């Protein structure tokens, strides 16, 4: 049995705690929400852990994570280990690792995929950091990953930063896959050739080249709302799609699918697009094409 301190008990962290406990591990959680926390403060959480300690962070990326690492640097001891399992930008990892290294505290960055289904299905894990630290935390990783061969649900990607880099690219790919399914759905709906669109998409779940968990989730959504009329077509992005494109530019790697998917999300947030108004005006100017005036 392993022992873990877990900071951040939101949608992901709460389910991770439950999965770890179900595997027989002891988890001492801390969250600002008094209804879910096991500790009154970070200091209280650390005091409940036996050394050498392992502490896993699941808080929002950026300043919340950096601040949590800074606080832990003053609470933990030599030989302890911190794992950042949030969606931090990989460039933050070296900064966090260097800060903790001044106290001889280890650091791993872990990209986590699985969403709210991870509690039952397991989480795909991509880890960056020293091999000795990875080995120290392996009982935790093995409990969180899906059942089956370790290499099919867990990877030690390389040095510090590589785990979050791998997760960033994973999410960029996810953007493109989601957009492709979405465009296919819209075309099936618009053409009116297919009479039962949800049935066609459900029929892709077995035997087809495009079968996948994302397809399964689309089928589930269509079962609940066959034309998806209950939703607004407004889509946020978590930041990792943008970071993926930045890396594509920095490395001169063409990424047209991921870039188109990201820009489609931007377009979804525009109630009235100035760009599209300009396109309509130009078409009217050079070709006399009809335009719709604002009522």
C-alpha atoms as a PDB file:
ATOM      1  CA  UNK A   1       0.000   0.000   0.000  1.00  0.00           C
ATOM      2  CA  UNK A   2       1.237   3.455  -0.877  1.00  0.00           C
ATOM      3  CA  UNK A   3       0.410   6.768   0.751  1.00  0.00           C
ATOM      4  CA  UNK A   4      -0.323   9.942  -1.184  1.00  0.00           C
ATOM      5  CA  UNK A   5      -1.179  13.546  -0.486  1.00  0.00           C
ATOM      6  CA  UNK A   6      -3.567  14.856  -3.147  1.00  0.00           C
ATOM      7  CA  UNK A   7      -4.165  18.590  -3.599  1.00  0.00           C
ATOM      8  CA  UNK A   8      -7.265  19.573  -5.565  1.00  0.00           C
ATOM      9  CA  UNK A   9     -10.414  17.460  -5.296  1.00  0.00           C
ATOM     10  CA  UNK A  10     -12.438  18.772  -8.220  1.00  0.00           C
ATOM     11  CA  UNK A  11     -13.893  16.638 -11.002  1.00  0.00           C
ATOM     12  CA  UNK A  12     -10.614  14.875 -11.743  1.00  0.00           C
ATOM     13  CA  UNK A  13      -8.930  14.916  -8.343  1.00  0.00           C
ATOM     14  CA  UNK A  14     -11.986  13.621  -6.478  1.00  0.00           C
ATOM     15  CA  UNK A  15     -12.331  10.623  -8.806  1.00  0.00           C
ATOM     16  CA  UNK A  16      -8.609   9.935  -8.689  1.00  0.00           C
ATOM     17  CA  UNK A  17      -8.797   9.791  -4.902  1.00  0.00           C
ATOM     18  CA  UNK A  18     -11.651   7.298  -5.136  1.00  0.00           C
ATOM     19  CA  UNK A  19      -9.816   5.084  -7.632  1.00  0.00           C
ATOM     20  CA  UNK A  20      -6.652   5.066  -5.524  1.00  0.00           C
ATOM     21  CA  UNK A  21      -8.559   4.235  -2.377  1.00  0.00           C
ATOM     22  CA  UNK A  22     -10.380   1.475  -4.225  1.00  0.00           C
ATOM     23  CA  UNK A  23      -6.969  -0.011  -5.051  1.00  0.00           C
ATOM     24  CA  UNK A  24      -6.061  -0.051  -1.347  1.00  0.00           C
ATOM     25  CA  UNK A  25      -3.864   3.051  -1.166  1.00  0.00           C
ATOM     26  CA  UNK A  26      -4.112   5.690   1.535  1.00  0.00           C
ATOM     27  CA  UNK A  27      -4.948   9.149   0.184  1.00  0.00           C
ATOM     28  CA  UNK A  28      -4.953  12.312   2.286  1.00  0.00           C
ATOM     29  CA  UNK A  29      -6.641  15.004   0.235  1.00  0.00           C
ATOM     30  CA  UNK A  30      -6.722  18.769   0.551  1.00  0.00           C
ATOM     31  CA  UNK A  31      -9.211  21.098  -1.105  1.00  0.00           C
ATOM     32  CA  UNK A  32     -10.636  24.491  -0.217  1.00  0.00           C
ATOM     33  CA  UNK A  33     -14.094  22.918  -0.336  1.00  0.00           C
ATOM     34  CA  UNK A  34     -14.759  21.718   3.226  1.00  0.00           C
ATOM     35  CA  UNK A  35     -17.263  19.137   1.968  1.00  0.00           C
ATOM     36  CA  UNK A  36     -14.589  17.051   0.238  1.00  0.00           C
ATOM     37  CA  UNK A  37     -11.290  17.812   1.982  1.00  0.00           C
ATOM     38  CA  UNK A  38      -9.482  15.482   4.383  1.00  0.00           C
ATOM     39  CA  UNK A  39      -7.275  18.242   5.768  1.00  0.00           C
ATOM     40  CA  UNK A  40      -7.726  21.783   7.012  1.00  0.00           C
ATOM     41  CA  UNK A  41      -4.683  23.158   5.169  1.00  0.00           C
ATOM     42  CA  UNK A  42      -1.652  22.163   3.124  1.00  0.00           C
ATOM     43  CA  UNK A  43       0.379  22.095   6.303  1.00  0.00           C
ATOM     44  CA  UNK A  44      -2.185  19.816   7.946  1.00  0.00           C
ATOM     45  CA  UNK A  45      -2.134  17.484   4.938  1.00  0.00           C
ATOM     46  CA  UNK A  46       1.657  17.240   4.948  1.00  0.00           C
ATOM     47  CA  UNK A  47       1.662  16.536   8.698  1.00  0.00           C
ATOM     48  CA  UNK A  48      -0.565  13.491   8.111  1.00  0.00           C
ATOM     49  CA  UNK A  49       1.878  11.899   5.657  1.00  0.00           C
ATOM     50  CA  UNK A  50       4.791   9.647   6.548  1.00  0.00           C
ATOM     51  CA  UNK A  51       8.176  10.362   5.007  1.00  0.00           C
ATOM     52  CA  UNK A  52       9.376  10.135   2.357  1.00  0.00           C
ATOM     53  CA  UNK A  53       6.180  11.789   1.157  1.00  0.00           C
ATOM     54  CA  UNK A  54       4.566  11.851  -2.284  1.00  0.00           C
ATOM     55  CA  UNK A  55       2.257  14.776  -3.010  1.00  0.00           C
ATOM     56  CA  UNK A  56       0.178  15.031  -6.195  1.00  0.00           C
ATOM     57  CA  UNK A  57      -1.129  18.433  -7.372  1.00  0.00           C
ATOM     58  CA  UNK A  58      -4.412  18.661  -9.325  1.00  0.00           C
ATOM     59  CA  UNK A  59      -5.163  22.395  -9.376  1.00  0.00           C
ATOM     60  CA  UNK A  60      -5.598  24.795 -12.343  1.00  0.00           C
ATOM     61  CA  UNK A  61      -2.502  25.403 -14.469  1.00  0.00           C
ATOM     62  CA  UNK A  62      -0.475  28.579 -14.184  1.00  0.00           C
ATOM     63  CA  UNK A  63      -0.273  30.665 -11.043  1.00  0.00           C
ATOM     64  CA  UNK A  64      -2.379  28.325  -8.829  1.00  0.00           C
ATOM     65  CA  UNK A  65       0.014  25.448  -9.548  1.00  0.00           C
ATOM     66  CA  UNK A  66       3.153  27.584  -9.221  1.00  0.00           C
ATOM     67  CA  UNK A  67       1.934  28.958  -5.893  1.00  0.00           C
ATOM     68  CA  UNK A  68       1.132  25.468  -4.613  1.00  0.00           C
ATOM     69  CA  UNK A  69       4.610  24.222  -5.554  1.00  0.00           C
ATOM     70  CA  UNK A  70       6.168  27.211  -3.787  1.00  0.00           C
ATOM     71  CA  UNK A  71       4.182  26.497  -0.618  1.00  0.00           C
ATOM     72  CA  UNK A  72       5.132  22.826  -0.711  1.00  0.00           C
ATOM     73  CA  UNK A  73       8.794  23.723  -1.057  1.00  0.00           C
ATOM     74  CA  UNK A  74       8.572  25.172   2.450  1.00  0.00           C
ATOM     75  CA  UNK A  75       6.552  22.297   3.918  1.00  0.00           C
ATOM     76  CA  UNK A  76       8.176  19.164   2.497  1.00  0.00           C
ATOM     77  CA  UNK A  77      11.538  17.606   3.343  1.00  0.00           C
ATOM     78  CA  UNK A  78      14.563  16.229   1.540  1.00  0.00           C
ATOM     79  CA  UNK A  79      13.661  13.028  -0.300  1.00  0.00           C
ATOM     80  CA  UNK A  80       9.986  13.914  -0.759  1.00  0.00           C
ATOM     81  CA  UNK A  81       8.391  13.971  -4.220  1.00  0.00           C
ATOM     82  CA  UNK A  82       5.922  16.356  -5.888  1.00  0.00           C
ATOM     83  CA  UNK A  83       3.889  15.344  -8.954  1.00  0.00           C
ATOM     84  CA  UNK A  84       2.046  17.960 -11.014  1.00  0.00           C
ATOM     85  CA  UNK A  85      -0.864  16.146 -12.677  1.00  0.00           C
ATOM     86  CA  UNK A  86      -2.625  19.252 -13.969  1.00  0.00           C
ATOM     87  CA  UNK A  87      -2.480  20.725 -17.463  1.00  0.00           C
ATOM     88  CA  UNK A  88       0.519  22.972 -16.829  1.00  0.00           C
ATOM     89  CA  UNK A  89       2.515  24.314 -19.754  1.00  0.00           C
ATOM     90  CA  UNK A  90       5.653  22.219 -20.056  1.00  0.00           C
ATOM     91  CA  UNK A  91       7.900  25.264 -19.707  1.00  0.00           C
ATOM     92  CA  UNK A  92       6.666  25.721 -16.128  1.00  0.00           C
ATOM     93  CA  UNK A  93       7.950  22.288 -15.137  1.00  0.00           C
ATOM     94  CA  UNK A  94      11.638  23.150 -15.227  1.00  0.00           C
ATOM     95  CA  UNK A  95      10.961  26.198 -13.020  1.00  0.00           C
ATOM     96  CA  UNK A  96       9.024  24.088 -10.509  1.00  0.00           C
ATOM     97  CA  UNK A  97      11.623  21.321 -10.535  1.00  0.00           C
ATOM     98  CA  UNK A  98      14.501  23.746  -9.993  1.00  0.00           C
ATOM     99  CA  UNK A  99      12.726  25.384  -7.057  1.00  0.00           C
ATOM    100  CA  UNK A 100      12.123  22.058  -5.346  1.00  0.00           C
ATOM    101  CA  UNK A 101      15.640  20.856  -6.128  1.00  0.00           C
ATOM    102  CA  UNK A 102      17.057  23.568  -3.857  1.00  0.00           C
ATOM    103  CA  UNK A 103      15.480  21.572  -1.007  1.00  0.00           C
ATOM    104  CA  UNK A 104      16.387  18.172  -2.533  1.00  0.00           C
ATOM    105  CA  UNK A 105      12.729  17.478  -3.250  1.00  0.00           C
ATOM    106  CA  UNK A 106      11.938  15.503  -6.411  1.00  0.00           C
ATOM    107  CA  UNK A 107       9.521  16.597  -9.137  1.00  0.00           C
ATOM    108  CA  UNK A 108       7.547  14.788 -11.839  1.00  0.00           C
ATOM    109  CA  UNK A 109       5.159  16.249 -14.394  1.00  0.00           C
ATOM    110  CA  UNK A 110       2.310  13.946 -15.371  1.00  0.00           C
ATOM    111  CA  UNK A 111      -0.111  14.494 -18.224  1.00  0.00           C
ATOM    112  CA  UNK A 112      -3.412  12.843 -17.297  1.00  0.00           C
ATOM    113  CA  UNK A 113      -6.117  11.863 -19.789  1.00  0.00           C
ATOM    114  CA  UNK A 114      -9.411  10.169 -19.015  1.00  0.00           C
ATOM    115  CA  UNK A 115     -11.731  12.918 -17.854  1.00  0.00           C
ATOM    116  CA  UNK A 116     -14.654  12.121 -15.603  1.00  0.00           C
ATOM    117  CA  UNK A 117     -14.620   8.494 -16.812  1.00  0.00           C
ATOM    118  CA  UNK A 118     -11.162   7.819 -15.431  1.00  0.00           C
ATOM    119  CA  UNK A 119     -12.429   6.631 -12.061  1.00  0.00           C
ATOM    120  CA  UNK A 120     -13.840   3.480 -13.658  1.00  0.00           C
ATOM    121  CA  UNK A 121     -11.799   3.179 -16.864  1.00  0.00           C
ATOM    122  CA  UNK A 122      -8.415   4.362 -15.610  1.00  0.00           C
ATOM    123  CA  UNK A 123      -6.302   7.306 -16.730  1.00  0.00           C
ATOM    124  CA  UNK A 124      -3.764   7.522 -19.521  1.00  0.00           C
ATOM    125  CA  UNK A 125      -0.554   8.827 -17.934  1.00  0.00           C
ATOM    126  CA  UNK A 126       2.435  10.556 -19.564  1.00  0.00           C
ATOM    127  CA  UNK A 127       5.246  11.260 -17.101  1.00  0.00           C
ATOM    128  CA  UNK A 128       8.376  13.391 -17.246  1.00  0.00           C
ATOM    129  CA  UNK A 129      11.234  13.326 -14.737  1.00  0.00           C
ATOM    130  CA  UNK A 130      13.990  11.190 -13.291  1.00  0.00           C
ATOM    131  CA  UNK A 131      13.627   7.416 -13.599  1.00  0.00           C
ATOM    132  CA  UNK A 132      14.269   6.984  -9.865  1.00  0.00           C
ATOM    133  CA  UNK A 133      11.356   9.299  -9.027  1.00  0.00           C
ATOM    134  CA  UNK A 134       9.104   7.532 -11.532  1.00  0.00           C
ATOM    135  CA  UNK A 135       9.921   4.191  -9.903  1.00  0.00           C
ATOM    136  CA  UNK A 136       9.168   5.633  -6.467  1.00  0.00           C
ATOM    137  CA  UNK A 137       5.676   6.647  -7.605  1.00  0.00           C
ATOM    138  CA  UNK A 138       4.966   3.568  -9.737  1.00  0.00           C
ATOM    139  CA  UNK A 139       2.466   1.985  -7.299  1.00  0.00           C
ATOM    140  CA  UNK A 140       0.388   5.178  -7.626  1.00  0.00           C
ATOM    141  CA  UNK A 141       0.696   5.222 -11.417  1.00  0.00           C
ATOM    142  CA  UNK A 142      -0.239   1.546 -11.657  1.00  0.00           C
ATOM    143  CA  UNK A 143      -3.383   2.125  -9.618  1.00  0.00           C
ATOM    144  CA  UNK A 144      -4.471   5.088 -11.744  1.00  0.00           C
ATOM    145  CA  UNK A 145      -3.729   3.708 -15.213  1.00  0.00           C
ATOM    146  CA  UNK A 146      -6.159   1.416 -17.076  1.00  0.00           C
ATOM    147  CA  UNK A 147      -5.977  -2.335 -16.588  1.00  0.00           C
ATOM    148  CA  UNK A 148      -3.816  -4.220 -19.051  1.00  0.00           C
ATOM    149  CA  UNK A 149      -0.199  -3.852 -20.166  1.00  0.00           C
ATOM    150  CA  UNK A 150       1.465  -0.901 -18.453  1.00  0.00           C
ATOM    151  CA  UNK A 151       2.942   0.403 -21.709  1.00  0.00           C
ATOM    152  CA  UNK A 152      -0.548   0.798 -23.209  1.00  0.00           C
ATOM    153  CA  UNK A 153      -1.735   3.256 -20.561  1.00  0.00           C
ATOM    154  CA  UNK A 154       1.469   4.672 -19.072  1.00  0.00           C
ATOM    155  CA  UNK A 155       4.615   6.170 -20.548  1.00  0.00           C
ATOM    156  CA  UNK A 156       7.766   7.651 -19.070  1.00  0.00           C
ATOM    157  CA  UNK A 157       8.172  10.293 -21.772  1.00  0.00           C
ATOM    158  CA  UNK A 158      11.600  11.578 -20.751  1.00  0.00           C
ATOM    159  CA  UNK A 159      13.059  14.348 -18.614  1.00  0.00           C
ATOM    160  CA  UNK A 160      11.142  16.994 -16.661  1.00  0.00           C
ATOM    161  CA  UNK A 161       8.635  18.731 -18.933  1.00  0.00           C
ATOM    162  CA  UNK A 162       8.194  15.851 -21.359  1.00  0.00           C
ATOM    163  CA  UNK A 163       5.063  14.494 -19.693  1.00  0.00           C
ATOM    164  CA  UNK A 164       3.158  17.742 -20.049  1.00  0.00           C
ATOM    165  CA  UNK A 165       4.571  18.206 -23.551  1.00  0.00           C
ATOM    166  CA  UNK A 166       3.193  14.795 -24.543  1.00  0.00           C
ATOM    167  CA  UNK A 167      -0.197  15.648 -23.032  1.00  0.00           C
ATOM    168  CA  UNK A 168      -0.213  18.988 -24.877  1.00  0.00           C
ATOM    169  CA  UNK A 169       0.259  17.238 -28.228  1.00  0.00           C
ATOM    170  CA  UNK A 170      -2.319  14.614 -27.216  1.00  0.00           C
ATOM    171  CA  UNK A 171      -4.867  17.365 -26.651  1.00  0.00           C
ATOM    172  CA  UNK A 172      -3.993  19.045 -29.936  1.00  0.00           C
ATOM    173  CA  UNK A 173      -4.721  15.773 -31.734  1.00  0.00           C
ATOM    174  CA  UNK A 174      -7.954  15.516 -29.754  1.00  0.00           C
ATOM    175  CA  UNK A 175      -9.021  18.930 -31.079  1.00  0.00           C
ATOM    176  CA  UNK A 176      -8.662  17.712 -34.658  1.00  0.00           C
ATOM    177  CA  UNK A 177     -10.483  14.431 -34.055  1.00  0.00           C
ATOM    178  CA  UNK A 178     -13.394  16.150 -32.332  1.00  0.00           C
ATOM    179  CA  UNK A 179     -13.686  18.696 -35.131  1.00  0.00           C
ATOM    180  CA  UNK A 180     -13.740  15.965 -37.787  1.00  0.00           C
ATOM    181  CA  UNK A 181     -16.590  14.132 -36.055  1.00  0.00           C
ATOM    182  CA  UNK A 182     -18.438  17.421 -35.586  1.00  0.00           C
ATOM    183  CA  UNK A 183     -18.134  18.390 -39.261  1.00  0.00           C
ATOM    184  CA  UNK A 184     -19.244  14.934 -40.359  1.00  0.00           C
ATOM    185  CA  UNK A 185     -22.298  15.171 -38.111  1.00  0.00           C
ATOM    186  CA  UNK A 186     -23.212  18.590 -39.484  1.00  0.00           C
ATOM    187  CA  UNK A 187     -22.876  17.428 -43.091  1.00  0.00           C
ATOM    188  CA  UNK A 188     -25.037  14.365 -42.484  1.00  0.00           C
ATOM    189  CA  UNK A 189     -27.674  16.607 -40.907  1.00  0.00           C
ATOM    190  CA  UNK A 190     -27.518  19.268 -43.636  1.00  0.00           C
ATOM    191  CA  UNK A 191     -27.594  17.047 -46.730  1.00  0.00           C
ATOM    192  CA  UNK A 192     -30.916  15.366 -45.841  1.00  0.00           C
ATOM    193  CA  UNK A 193     -29.881  12.238 -47.758  1.00  0.00           C
ATOM    194  CA  UNK A 194     -29.521  10.202 -44.578  1.00  0.00           C
ATOM    195  CA  UNK A 195     -32.826   9.853 -42.728  1.00  0.00           C
ATOM    196  CA  UNK A 196     -31.457   8.655 -39.381  1.00  0.00           C
ATOM    197  CA  UNK A 197     -28.168  10.378 -38.610  1.00  0.00           C
ATOM    198  CA  UNK A 198     -27.782   9.073 -35.022  1.00  0.00           C
ATOM    199  CA  UNK A 199     -28.264   5.509 -36.277  1.00  0.00           C
ATOM    200  CA  UNK A 200     -25.528   5.932 -38.898  1.00  0.00           C
ATOM    201  CA  UNK A 201     -23.069   7.320 -36.364  1.00  0.00           C
ATOM    202  CA  UNK A 202     -23.914   4.557 -33.900  1.00  0.00           C
ATOM    203  CA  UNK A 203     -23.290   2.061 -36.689  1.00  0.00           C
ATOM    204  CA  UNK A 204     -19.699   3.266 -36.924  1.00  0.00           C
ATOM    205  CA  UNK A 205     -18.879   1.998 -33.428  1.00  0.00           C
ATOM    206  CA  UNK A 206     -17.787  -1.495 -34.497  1.00  0.00           C
ATOM    207  CA  UNK A 207     -15.716  -2.589 -37.448  1.00  0.00           C
ATOM    208  CA  UNK A 208     -15.130   0.846 -38.970  1.00  0.00           C
ATOM    209  CA  UNK A 209     -11.854   2.690 -39.313  1.00  0.00           C
ATOM    210  CA  UNK A 210     -13.140   5.674 -37.294  1.00  0.00           C
ATOM    211  CA  UNK A 211     -14.331   3.710 -34.247  1.00  0.00           C
ATOM    212  CA  UNK A 212     -12.956   5.279 -31.053  1.00  0.00           C
ATOM    213  CA  UNK A 213     -13.852   6.411 -27.552  1.00  0.00           C
ATOM    214  CA  UNK A 214     -14.613   9.901 -28.873  1.00  0.00           C
ATOM    215  CA  UNK A 215     -17.084   8.335 -31.297  1.00  0.00           C
ATOM    216  CA  UNK A 216     -18.642   6.413 -28.399  1.00  0.00           C
ATOM    217  CA  UNK A 217     -19.069   9.680 -26.501  1.00  0.00           C
ATOM    218  CA  UNK A 218     -20.709  11.326 -29.539  1.00  0.00           C
ATOM    219  CA  UNK A 219     -23.132   8.396 -29.764  1.00  0.00           C
ATOM    220  CA  UNK A 220     -23.922   8.814 -26.073  1.00  0.00           C
ATOM    221  CA  UNK A 221     -24.623  12.526 -26.590  1.00  0.00           C
ATOM    222  CA  UNK A 222     -26.909  11.765 -29.561  1.00  0.00           C
ATOM    223  CA  UNK A 223     -28.780   9.154 -27.541  1.00  0.00           C
ATOM    224  CA  UNK A 224     -29.606  11.894 -25.058  1.00  0.00           C
ATOM    225  CA  UNK A 225     -30.338  14.608 -27.657  1.00  0.00           C
ATOM    226  CA  UNK A 226     -30.586  13.239 -31.256  1.00  0.00           C
ATOM    227  CA  UNK A 227     -30.142  16.625 -32.955  1.00  0.00           C
ATOM    228  CA  UNK A 228     -28.087  18.261 -30.174  1.00  0.00           C
ATOM    229  CA  UNK A 229     -30.668  21.040 -30.065  1.00  0.00           C
ATOM    230  CA  UNK A 230     -30.291  21.476 -26.314  1.00  0.00           C
ATOM    231  CA  UNK A 231     -26.750  22.844 -26.659  1.00  0.00           C
ATOM    232  CA  UNK A 232     -25.315  26.115 -27.873  1.00  0.00           C
ATOM    233  CA  UNK A 233     -22.481  25.834 -30.370  1.00  0.00           C
ATOM    234  CA  UNK A 234     -20.060  27.679 -28.088  1.00  0.00           C
ATOM    235  CA  UNK A 235     -16.764  25.921 -27.381  1.00  0.00           C
ATOM    236  CA  UNK A 236     -13.927  27.058 -25.108  1.00  0.00           C
ATOM    237  CA  UNK A 237     -10.316  25.897 -25.360  1.00  0.00           C
ATOM    238  CA  UNK A 238      -8.172  24.945 -22.377  1.00  0.00           C
ATOM    239  CA  UNK A 239      -4.968  26.452 -23.747  1.00  0.00           C
ATOM    240  CA  UNK A 240      -3.220  23.264 -24.811  1.00  0.00           C
ATOM    241  CA  UNK A 241      -4.462  23.565 -28.389  1.00  0.00           C
ATOM    242  CA  UNK A 242      -2.892  27.025 -28.588  1.00  0.00           C
ATOM    243  CA  UNK A 243       0.361  25.749 -27.060  1.00  0.00           C
ATOM    244  CA  UNK A 244       0.441  22.892 -29.571  1.00  0.00           C
ATOM    245  CA  UNK A 245       0.203  25.368 -32.445  1.00  0.00           C
ATOM    246  CA  UNK A 246       2.940  27.505 -30.913  1.00  0.00           C
ATOM    247  CA  UNK A 247       5.167  24.424 -30.898  1.00  0.00           C
ATOM    248  CA  UNK A 248       4.228  23.632 -34.498  1.00  0.00           C
ATOM    249  CA  UNK A 249       5.314  27.136 -35.505  1.00  0.00           C
ATOM    250  CA  UNK A 250       8.514  26.985 -33.426  1.00  0.00           C
ATOM    251  CA  UNK A 251       9.476  23.663 -35.031  1.00  0.00           C
ATOM    252  CA  UNK A 252       8.224  24.479 -38.556  1.00  0.00           C
ATOM    253  CA  UNK A 253       5.843  21.512 -38.475  1.00  0.00           C
ATOM    254  CA  UNK A 254       2.671  21.916 -40.582  1.00  0.00           C
ATOM    255  CA  UNK A 255      -0.424  21.362 -38.417  1.00  0.00           C
ATOM    256  CA  UNK A 256      -3.376  22.466 -40.583  1.00  0.00           C
ATOM    257  CA  UNK A 257      -5.941  20.142 -38.987  1.00  0.00           C
ATOM    258  CA  UNK A 258      -5.172  21.189 -35.407  1.00  0.00           C
ATOM    259  CA  UNK A 259      -5.029  24.866 -36.356  1.00  0.00           C
ATOM    260  CA  UNK A 260      -8.369  24.664 -38.191  1.00  0.00           C
ATOM    261  CA  UNK A 261      -9.938  22.937 -35.183  1.00  0.00           C
ATOM    262  CA  UNK A 262      -8.693  25.639 -32.824  1.00  0.00           C
ATOM    263  CA  UNK A 263      -9.889  28.463 -35.078  1.00  0.00           C
ATOM    264  CA  UNK A 264     -13.277  26.752 -35.370  1.00  0.00           C
ATOM    265  CA  UNK A 265     -13.590  27.050 -31.594  1.00  0.00           C
ATOM    266  CA  UNK A 266     -12.821  30.748 -31.830  1.00  0.00           C
ATOM    267  CA  UNK A 267     -15.515  31.106 -34.508  1.00  0.00           C
ATOM    268  CA  UNK A 268     -18.043  29.354 -32.275  1.00  0.00           C
ATOM    269  CA  UNK A 269     -17.847  32.228 -29.786  1.00  0.00           C
ATOM    270  CA  UNK A 270     -18.756  34.963 -32.252  1.00  0.00           C
ATOM    271  CA  UNK A 271     -22.408  35.939 -32.227  1.00  0.00           C
ATOM    272  CA  UNK A 272     -21.736  38.385 -35.050  1.00  0.00           C
ATOM    273  CA  UNK A 273     -18.481  37.985 -36.974  1.00  0.00           C
ATOM    274  CA  UNK A 274     -16.912  41.173 -38.298  1.00  0.00           C
ATOM    275  CA  UNK A 275     -14.852  39.023 -40.680  1.00  0.00           C
ATOM    276  CA  UNK A 276     -17.947  37.405 -42.159  1.00  0.00           C
ATOM    277  CA  UNK A 277     -19.591  40.809 -42.515  1.00  0.00           C
ATOM    278  CA  UNK A 278     -16.542  41.926 -44.508  1.00  0.00           C
ATOM    279  CA  UNK A 279     -16.753  38.825 -46.721  1.00  0.00           C
ATOM    280  CA  UNK A 280     -20.446  39.494 -47.370  1.00  0.00           C
ATOM    281  CA  UNK A 281     -19.698  43.143 -48.241  1.00  0.00           C
ATOM    282  CA  UNK A 282     -16.923  42.171 -50.666  1.00  0.00           C
ATOM    283  CA  UNK A 283     -19.099  39.591 -52.425  1.00  0.00           C
ATOM    284  CA  UNK A 284     -21.778  42.236 -52.814  1.00  0.00           C
ATOM    285  CA  UNK A 285     -19.294  44.791 -54.143  1.00  0.00           C
ATOM    286  CA  UNK A 286     -17.599  42.713 -56.825  1.00  0.00           C
ATOM    287  CA  UNK A 287     -20.426  40.388 -57.812  1.00  0.00           C
ATOM    288  CA  UNK A 288     -23.600  42.044 -56.721  1.00  0.00           C
ATOM    289  CA  UNK A 289     -24.377  39.047 -54.519  1.00  0.00           C
ATOM    290  CA  UNK A 290     -27.303  39.460 -52.175  1.00  0.00           C
ATOM    291  CA  UNK A 291     -26.598  40.395 -48.575  1.00  0.00           C
ATOM    292  CA  UNK A 292     -28.713  40.209 -45.430  1.00  0.00           C
ATOM    293  CA  UNK A 293     -29.186  43.583 -43.771  1.00  0.00           C
ATOM    294  CA  UNK A 294     -29.382  43.930 -39.987  1.00  0.00           C
ATOM    295  CA  UNK A 295     -33.033  44.182 -38.962  1.00  0.00           C
END
